[in-house]
C-alpha atoms as a PDB file:
ATOM      1  CA  MET A   1      95.941 113.629 121.289  1.00  0.00           C
ATOM      2  CA  GLU A   2      99.553 112.890 120.430  1.00  0.00           C
ATOM      3  CA  ARG A   3     101.037 109.717 121.791  1.00  0.00           C
ATOM      4  CA  ALA A   4     104.627 109.274 122.750  1.00  0.00           C
ATOM      5  CA  VAL A   5     106.530 107.000 120.406  1.00  0.00           C
ATOM      6  CA  PRO A   6     108.799 104.662 122.342  1.00  0.00           C
ATOM      7  CA  LYS A   7     112.435 104.921 121.351  1.00  0.00           C
ATOM      8  CA  ILE A   8     114.525 101.841 120.710  1.00  0.00           C
ATOM      9  CA  MET A   9     118.066 101.905 122.113  1.00  0.00           C
ATOM     10  CA  THR A  10     120.419  99.991 119.818  1.00  0.00           C
ATOM     11  CA  ALA A  11     124.140  99.321 120.113  1.00  0.00           C
ATOM     12  CA  PHE A  12     126.076  99.052 116.843  1.00  0.00           C
ATOM     13  CA  ILE A  13     129.321  97.091 116.613  1.00  0.00           C
ATOM     14  CA  SER A  14     131.250  97.302 113.343  1.00  0.00           C
ATOM     15  CA  SER A  15     133.801  94.885 111.997  1.00  0.00           C
ATOM     16  CA  ASP A  16     136.119  97.894 111.450  1.00  0.00           C
ATOM     17  CA  GLY A  17     136.274  98.589 115.200  1.00  0.00           C
ATOM     18  CA  GLU A  18     133.694 101.383 115.399  1.00  0.00           C
ATOM     19  CA  GLU A  19     131.010 101.175 118.092  1.00  0.00           C
ATOM     20  CA  TRP A  20     128.132 103.563 118.705  1.00  0.00           C
ATOM     21  CA  TYR A  21     124.653 103.783 120.189  1.00  0.00           C
ATOM     22  CA  ASP A  22     121.400 105.061 118.751  1.00  0.00           C
ATOM     23  CA  GLU A  23     119.002 106.127 121.497  1.00  0.00           C
ATOM     24  CA  TYR A  24     116.365 107.664 119.237  1.00  0.00           C
ATOM     25  CA  ALA A  25     115.351 104.972 116.731  1.00  0.00           C
ATOM     26  CA  GLU A  26     111.643 104.358 116.280  1.00  0.00           C
ATOM     27  CA  THR A  27     112.173 101.003 114.544  1.00  0.00           C
ATOM     28  CA  PRO A  28     114.756  98.296 115.180  1.00  0.00           C
ATOM     29  CA  PRO A  29     117.488  97.713 112.584  1.00  0.00           C
ATOM     30  CA  ALA A  30     117.094  94.712 110.270  1.00  0.00           C
ATOM     31  CA  ALA A  31     119.661  92.442 108.644  1.00  0.00           C
ATOM     32  CA  GLY A  32     120.424  93.745 105.149  1.00  0.00           C
ATOM     33  CA  GLN A  33     119.617  97.364 106.045  1.00  0.00           C
ATOM     34  CA  PHE A  34     122.138 100.072 105.135  1.00  0.00           C
ATOM     35  CA  ILE A  35     123.184 102.889 107.450  1.00  0.00           C
ATOM     36  CA  TRP A  36     124.787 106.179 106.388  1.00  0.00           C
ATOM     37  CA  ARG A  37     126.386 107.942 109.333  1.00  0.00           C
ATOM     38  CA  GLY A  38     128.989 110.457 110.287  1.00  0.00           C
ATOM     39  CA  ALA A  39     132.201 108.824 111.455  1.00  0.00           C
ATOM     40  CA  LYS A  40     135.734 109.889 112.306  1.00  0.00           C
ATOM     41  CA  GLY A  41     137.039 111.939 109.406  1.00  0.00           C
ATOM     42  CA  GLY A  42     133.812 111.955 107.399  1.00  0.00           C
ATOM     43  CA  TYR A  43     130.912 109.663 106.601  1.00  0.00           C
ATOM     44  CA  GLN A  44     130.739 105.889 106.330  1.00  0.00           C
ATOM     45  CA  ALA A  45     128.139 103.463 104.969  1.00  0.00           C
ATOM     46  CA  TYR A  46     127.453 100.240 106.832  1.00  0.00           C
ATOM     47  CA  LYS A  47     125.344  97.170 106.146  1.00  0.00           C
ATOM     48  CA  VAL A  48     123.622  95.395 109.028  1.00  0.00           C
ATOM     49  CA  ALA A  49     124.789  91.768 109.109  1.00  0.00           C
ATOM     50  CA  GLU A  50     123.040  90.492 112.250  1.00  0.00           C
ATOM     51  CA  VAL A  51     120.728  91.866 114.935  1.00  0.00           C
ATOM     52  CA  TRP A  52     120.709  90.311 118.385  1.00  0.00           C
ATOM     53  CA  ASN A  53     118.409  90.867 121.345  1.00  0.00           C
ATOM     54  CA  ILE A  54     120.781  90.335 124.268  1.00  0.00           C
ATOM     55  CA  GLU A  55     118.919  89.478 127.462  1.00  0.00           C
ATOM     56  CA  GLU A  56     121.938  88.774 129.667  1.00  0.00           C
ATOM     57  CA  LYS A  57     122.619  91.878 131.749  1.00  0.00           C
ATOM     58  CA  HIS A  58     126.215  91.087 132.727  1.00  0.00           C
ATOM     59  CA  GLY A  59     127.563  89.732 129.444  1.00  0.00           C
ATOM     60  CA  ALA A  60     130.315  90.849 127.109  1.00  0.00           C
ATOM     61  CA  VAL A  61     127.819  92.907 125.083  1.00  0.00           C
ATOM     62  CA  THR A  62     125.347  95.426 126.532  1.00  0.00           C
ATOM     63  CA  HIS A  63     121.877  93.946 127.005  1.00  0.00           C
ATOM     64  CA  GLY A  64     119.166  95.025 124.579  1.00  0.00           C
ATOM     65  CA  LEU A  65     119.375  95.273 120.802  1.00  0.00           C
ATOM     66  CA  THR A  66     122.812  94.963 119.228  1.00  0.00           C
ATOM     67  CA  ALA A  67     123.397  95.256 115.491  1.00  0.00           C
ATOM     68  CA  PHE A  68     126.610  93.896 114.023  1.00  0.00           C
ATOM     69  CA  VAL A  69     127.514  95.898 110.923  1.00  0.00           C
ATOM     70  CA  ASP A  70     130.123  95.855 108.159  1.00  0.00           C
ATOM     71  CA  PRO A  71     131.501  98.921 106.354  1.00  0.00           C
ATOM     72  CA  VAL A  72     130.628  99.190 102.668  1.00  0.00           C
ATOM     73  CA  ASP A  73     131.671 101.481  99.837  1.00  0.00           C
ATOM     74  CA  VAL A  74     128.664 103.767  99.410  1.00  0.00           C
ATOM     75  CA  MET A  75     129.497 104.184  95.711  1.00  0.00           C
ATOM     76  CA  LYS A  76     128.773 100.479  95.171  1.00  0.00           C
ATOM     77  CA  THR A  77     125.259 100.875  96.599  1.00  0.00           C
ATOM     78  CA  ARG A  78     122.132 102.246  94.972  1.00  0.00           C
ATOM     79  CA  LEU A  79     122.414 105.347  97.152  1.00  0.00           C
ATOM     80  CA  GLY A  80     125.868 106.159  95.782  1.00  0.00           C
ATOM     81  CA  LYS A  81     124.839 105.358  92.206  1.00  0.00           C
ATOM     82  CA  HIS A  82     121.709 107.492  92.538  1.00  0.00           C
ATOM     83  CA  ALA A  83     123.621 110.615  93.592  1.00  0.00           C
ATOM     84  CA  PRO A  84     127.340 110.091  92.822  1.00  0.00           C
ATOM     85  CA  ASP A  85     128.095 113.822  92.850  1.00  0.00           C
ATOM     86  CA  TYR A  86     126.897 114.059  96.441  1.00  0.00           C
ATOM     87  CA  TYR A  87     128.248 110.813  97.935  1.00  0.00           C
ATOM     88  CA  GLY A  88     131.495 110.509  95.932  1.00  0.00           C
ATOM     89  CA  ASP A  89     134.841 111.846  97.098  1.00  0.00           C
END
């Protein structure tokens, strides 16, 4: 019998002004984790700086999990160094 895996809704707020939601995660983000995602005009790598569980329902940030992220140059990460032909410009 297959069991449903609960999905974890997470809001992402980037220091470069990008904001997005992930409604399908099966694990919460962790500080230090890298994210590779499509963004305006291409792809962008981010590093999770802080993760907050916001319990206030009428605050400045949506309640639930919020990850604050910073953009990084993917070519300076192990992912970029592992496959520079794929991730490079």
